Amino acid sequence: MTFTFIQILTWAIVARSLLSWFPVDQSGPLYQMLFRVTEPIIEPIRRVMPNTGMMDLSPMAAIILLIVMGQLVAGLTASA
């Protein structure tokens, strides 16, 4: 199974979300790389979604949108 760009972005968001649960140095290179890759996707969603208190649901919404996009791309490439 090959990883598409959408799958890599999805896993990057999952990794960033999991790292947010642990005391990780946010200035570290791994966290900074994940932040730079995922923030352009998560930030617009965060601005649109209502505030839910302490829990940020924008990564989950981003993952759902990426899955839908992946399915659309797969459907388009299968029919072509």
N, C-alpha and C. Protein backbone atom coordinates (compact mmCIF):
# COMPACT_ATOMS: atom_id res chain seq x y z
N MET A 1 0.84 -1.18 0.00
CA MET A 1 0.00 0.00 0.00
C MET A 1 0.88 1.24 0.00
N THR A 2 0.62 2.13 -0.88
CA THR A 2 1.41 3.35 -0.95
C THR A 2 0.68 4.46 -0.20
N PHE A 3 1.47 5.33 0.40
CA PHE A 3 0.90 6.47 1.11
C PHE A 3 0.75 7.63 0.16
N THR A 4 -0.42 8.19 0.15
CA THR A 4 -0.64 9.39 -0.64
C THR A 4 -0.34 10.60 0.23
N PHE A 5 -0.29 11.74 -0.40
CA PHE A 5 -0.03 12.98 0.32
C PHE A 5 -1.12 13.24 1.37
N ILE A 6 -2.37 12.92 1.03
CA ILE A 6 -3.47 13.12 1.97
C ILE A 6 -3.32 12.21 3.18
N GLN A 7 -2.89 10.98 2.99
CA GLN A 7 -2.68 10.07 4.11
C GLN A 7 -1.54 10.55 5.00
N ILE A 8 -0.49 11.07 4.40
CA ILE A 8 0.64 11.58 5.19
C ILE A 8 0.19 12.78 6.03
N LEU A 9 -0.60 13.68 5.44
CA LEU A 9 -1.13 14.81 6.21
C LEU A 9 -2.02 14.34 7.35
N THR A 10 -2.84 13.34 7.09
CA THR A 10 -3.72 12.80 8.14
C THR A 10 -2.90 12.26 9.30
N TRP A 11 -1.87 11.49 9.01
CA TRP A 11 -1.03 10.93 10.07
C TRP A 11 -0.24 12.01 10.80
N ALA A 12 0.14 13.06 10.09
CA ALA A 12 0.85 14.17 10.73
C ALA A 12 -0.07 14.87 11.73
N ILE A 13 -1.34 15.04 11.38
CA ILE A 13 -2.29 15.65 12.31
C ILE A 13 -2.52 14.74 13.50
N VAL A 14 -2.62 13.45 13.28
CA VAL A 14 -2.77 12.50 14.39
C VAL A 14 -1.55 12.59 15.32
N ALA A 15 -0.36 12.61 14.75
CA ALA A 15 0.86 12.69 15.56
C ALA A 15 0.90 14.00 16.36
N ARG A 16 0.55 15.09 15.73
CA ARG A 16 0.54 16.38 16.44
C ARG A 16 -0.47 16.37 17.58
N SER A 17 -1.64 15.79 17.33
CA SER A 17 -2.65 15.72 18.37
C SER A 17 -2.19 14.86 19.54
N LEU A 18 -1.57 13.74 19.24
CA LEU A 18 -1.07 12.87 20.32
C LEU A 18 0.05 13.55 21.10
N LEU A 19 0.93 14.26 20.42
CA LEU A 19 2.01 14.96 21.11
C LEU A 19 1.48 16.05 22.03
N SER A 20 0.32 16.60 21.72
CA SER A 20 -0.23 17.67 22.56
C SER A 20 -0.66 17.16 23.93
N TRP A 21 -0.81 15.85 24.09
CA TRP A 21 -1.20 15.28 25.37
C TRP A 21 -0.02 15.10 26.31
N PHE A 22 1.20 15.20 25.81
CA PHE A 22 2.39 14.93 26.61
C PHE A 22 3.22 16.21 26.76
N PRO A 23 4.01 16.26 27.83
CA PRO A 23 4.88 17.44 28.01
C PRO A 23 6.07 17.37 27.05
N VAL A 24 5.88 17.87 25.87
CA VAL A 24 6.89 17.83 24.81
C VAL A 24 7.44 19.23 24.61
N ASP A 25 8.73 19.30 24.35
CA ASP A 25 9.35 20.59 24.05
C ASP A 25 8.83 21.08 22.71
N GLN A 26 8.03 22.15 22.74
CA GLN A 26 7.43 22.65 21.51
C GLN A 26 8.42 23.37 20.61
N SER A 27 9.62 23.60 21.08
CA SER A 27 10.63 24.19 20.22
C SER A 27 11.51 23.12 19.58
N GLY A 28 11.21 21.85 19.86
CA GLY A 28 11.98 20.76 19.28
C GLY A 28 11.72 20.62 17.78
N PRO A 29 12.66 20.03 17.06
CA PRO A 29 12.54 19.95 15.60
C PRO A 29 11.36 19.11 15.12
N LEU A 30 11.04 18.01 15.81
CA LEU A 30 9.92 17.16 15.39
C LEU A 30 8.60 17.91 15.54
N TYR A 31 8.42 18.54 16.69
CA TYR A 31 7.17 19.27 16.92
C TYR A 31 7.06 20.44 15.94
N GLN A 32 8.14 21.16 15.73
CA GLN A 32 8.12 22.30 14.81
C GLN A 32 7.79 21.87 13.39
N MET A 33 8.33 20.73 12.96
CA MET A 33 8.02 20.21 11.62
C MET A 33 6.55 19.86 11.52
N LEU A 34 6.01 19.15 12.51
CA LEU A 34 4.60 18.80 12.50
C LEU A 34 3.72 20.05 12.53
N PHE A 35 4.12 21.04 13.31
CA PHE A 35 3.35 22.28 13.40
C PHE A 35 3.32 22.99 12.05
N ARG A 36 4.47 23.10 11.40
CA ARG A 36 4.54 23.81 10.11
C ARG A 36 3.75 23.09 9.01
N VAL A 37 3.71 21.77 9.07
CA VAL A 37 3.00 21.00 8.05
C VAL A 37 1.49 21.03 8.28
N THR A 38 1.07 20.95 9.54
CA THR A 38 -0.36 20.80 9.83
C THR A 38 -1.09 22.11 10.12
N GLU A 39 -0.41 23.13 10.56
CA GLU A 39 -1.08 24.37 10.94
C GLU A 39 -1.84 25.03 9.78
N PRO A 40 -1.32 25.02 8.54
CA PRO A 40 -2.11 25.61 7.45
C PRO A 40 -3.44 24.88 7.19
N ILE A 41 -3.56 23.66 7.63
CA ILE A 41 -4.80 22.90 7.47
C ILE A 41 -5.71 23.12 8.68
N ILE A 42 -5.14 23.10 9.87
CA ILE A 42 -5.93 23.16 11.09
C ILE A 42 -6.42 24.59 11.39
N GLU A 43 -5.60 25.58 11.16
CA GLU A 43 -5.95 26.96 11.55
C GLU A 43 -7.22 27.48 10.89
N PRO A 44 -7.42 27.32 9.58
CA PRO A 44 -8.69 27.81 9.00
C PRO A 44 -9.92 27.11 9.60
N ILE A 45 -9.78 25.83 9.90
CA ILE A 45 -10.89 25.09 10.52
C ILE A 45 -11.14 25.61 11.92
N ARG A 46 -10.07 25.88 12.65
CA ARG A 46 -10.18 26.39 14.02
C ARG A 46 -10.91 27.74 14.05
N ARG A 47 -10.68 28.58 13.04
CA ARG A 47 -11.35 29.89 12.98
C ARG A 47 -12.85 29.74 12.73
N VAL A 48 -13.26 28.71 12.00
CA VAL A 48 -14.67 28.52 11.65
C VAL A 48 -15.44 27.77 12.74
N MET A 49 -14.80 26.82 13.38
CA MET A 49 -15.49 25.99 14.38
C MET A 49 -15.77 26.78 15.65
N PRO A 50 -16.89 26.49 16.30
CA PRO A 50 -17.17 27.15 17.58
C PRO A 50 -16.22 26.66 18.67
N ASN A 51 -15.96 27.50 19.64
CA ASN A 51 -15.08 27.16 20.75
C ASN A 51 -15.78 26.15 21.65
N THR A 52 -15.11 25.04 21.95
CA THR A 52 -15.70 24.00 22.79
C THR A 52 -15.03 23.94 24.16
N GLY A 53 -14.37 24.98 24.56
CA GLY A 53 -13.71 24.98 25.86
C GLY A 53 -12.28 24.50 25.75
N MET A 54 -11.92 23.57 26.62
CA MET A 54 -10.53 23.09 26.66
C MET A 54 -10.19 22.16 25.51
N MET A 55 -11.18 21.51 24.92
CA MET A 55 -10.90 20.53 23.88
C MET A 55 -10.98 21.19 22.50
N ASP A 56 -9.92 21.04 21.73
CA ASP A 56 -9.86 21.57 20.36
C ASP A 56 -10.25 20.45 19.40
N LEU A 57 -11.39 20.61 18.76
CA LEU A 57 -11.88 19.58 17.85
C LEU A 57 -11.47 19.82 16.40
N SER A 58 -10.72 20.89 16.15
CA SER A 58 -10.34 21.19 14.77
C SER A 58 -9.43 20.11 14.14
N PRO A 59 -8.52 19.46 14.88
CA PRO A 59 -7.76 18.38 14.24
C PRO A 59 -8.66 17.22 13.78
N MET A 60 -9.68 16.89 14.58
CA MET A 60 -10.59 15.82 14.19
C MET A 60 -11.38 16.22 12.93
N ALA A 61 -11.82 17.48 12.88
CA ALA A 61 -12.53 17.96 11.69
C ALA A 61 -11.60 17.94 10.47
N ALA A 62 -10.34 18.31 10.67
CA ALA A 62 -9.37 18.28 9.57
C ALA A 62 -9.16 16.86 9.08
N ILE A 63 -9.08 15.91 9.98
CA ILE A 63 -8.89 14.51 9.59
C ILE A 63 -10.10 14.02 8.80
N ILE A 64 -11.30 14.38 9.25
CA ILE A 64 -12.51 13.97 8.54
C ILE A 64 -12.52 14.57 7.13
N LEU A 65 -12.17 15.85 7.03
CA LEU A 65 -12.12 16.49 5.71
C LEU A 65 -11.07 15.84 4.81
N LEU A 66 -9.92 15.50 5.37
CA LEU A 66 -8.88 14.84 4.56
C LEU A 66 -9.33 13.46 4.10
N ILE A 67 -10.04 12.73 4.94
CA ILE A 67 -10.55 11.41 4.55
C ILE A 67 -11.55 11.56 3.40
N VAL A 68 -12.45 12.54 3.53
CA VAL A 68 -13.43 12.78 2.47
C VAL A 68 -12.71 13.17 1.17
N MET A 69 -11.72 14.05 1.27
CA MET A 69 -10.95 14.45 0.09
C MET A 69 -10.25 13.24 -0.54
N GLY A 70 -9.67 12.38 0.31
CA GLY A 70 -9.01 11.18 -0.19
C GLY A 70 -9.96 10.27 -0.94
N GLN A 71 -11.19 10.13 -0.41
CA GLN A 71 -12.19 9.29 -1.07
C GLN A 71 -12.61 9.91 -2.41
N LEU A 72 -12.75 11.24 -2.42
CA LEU A 72 -13.11 11.91 -3.68
C LEU A 72 -12.01 11.74 -4.73
N VAL A 73 -10.78 11.90 -4.31
CA VAL A 73 -9.65 11.74 -5.24
C VAL A 73 -9.58 10.31 -5.74
N ALA A 74 -9.78 9.35 -4.84
CA ALA A 74 -9.75 7.95 -5.23
C ALA A 74 -10.88 7.63 -6.21
N GLY A 75 -12.05 8.20 -5.97
CA GLY A 75 -13.17 7.99 -6.89
C GLY A 75 -12.92 8.61 -8.25
N LEU A 76 -12.33 9.79 -8.26
CA LEU A 76 -12.04 10.46 -9.53
C LEU A 76 -10.96 9.72 -10.32
N THR A 77 -9.94 9.24 -9.64
CA THR A 77 -8.87 8.55 -10.35
C THR A 77 -9.30 7.15 -10.79
N ALA A 78 -10.23 6.53 -10.06
CA ALA A 78 -10.70 5.20 -10.45
C ALA A 78 -11.58 5.27 -11.70
N SER A 79 -12.33 6.36 -11.84
CA SER A 79 -13.22 6.47 -12.99
C SER A 79 -12.51 7.00 -14.23
N ALA A 80 -11.31 7.51 -14.06
CA ALA A 80 -10.59 8.08 -15.21
C ALA A 80 -9.83 7.03 -15.97
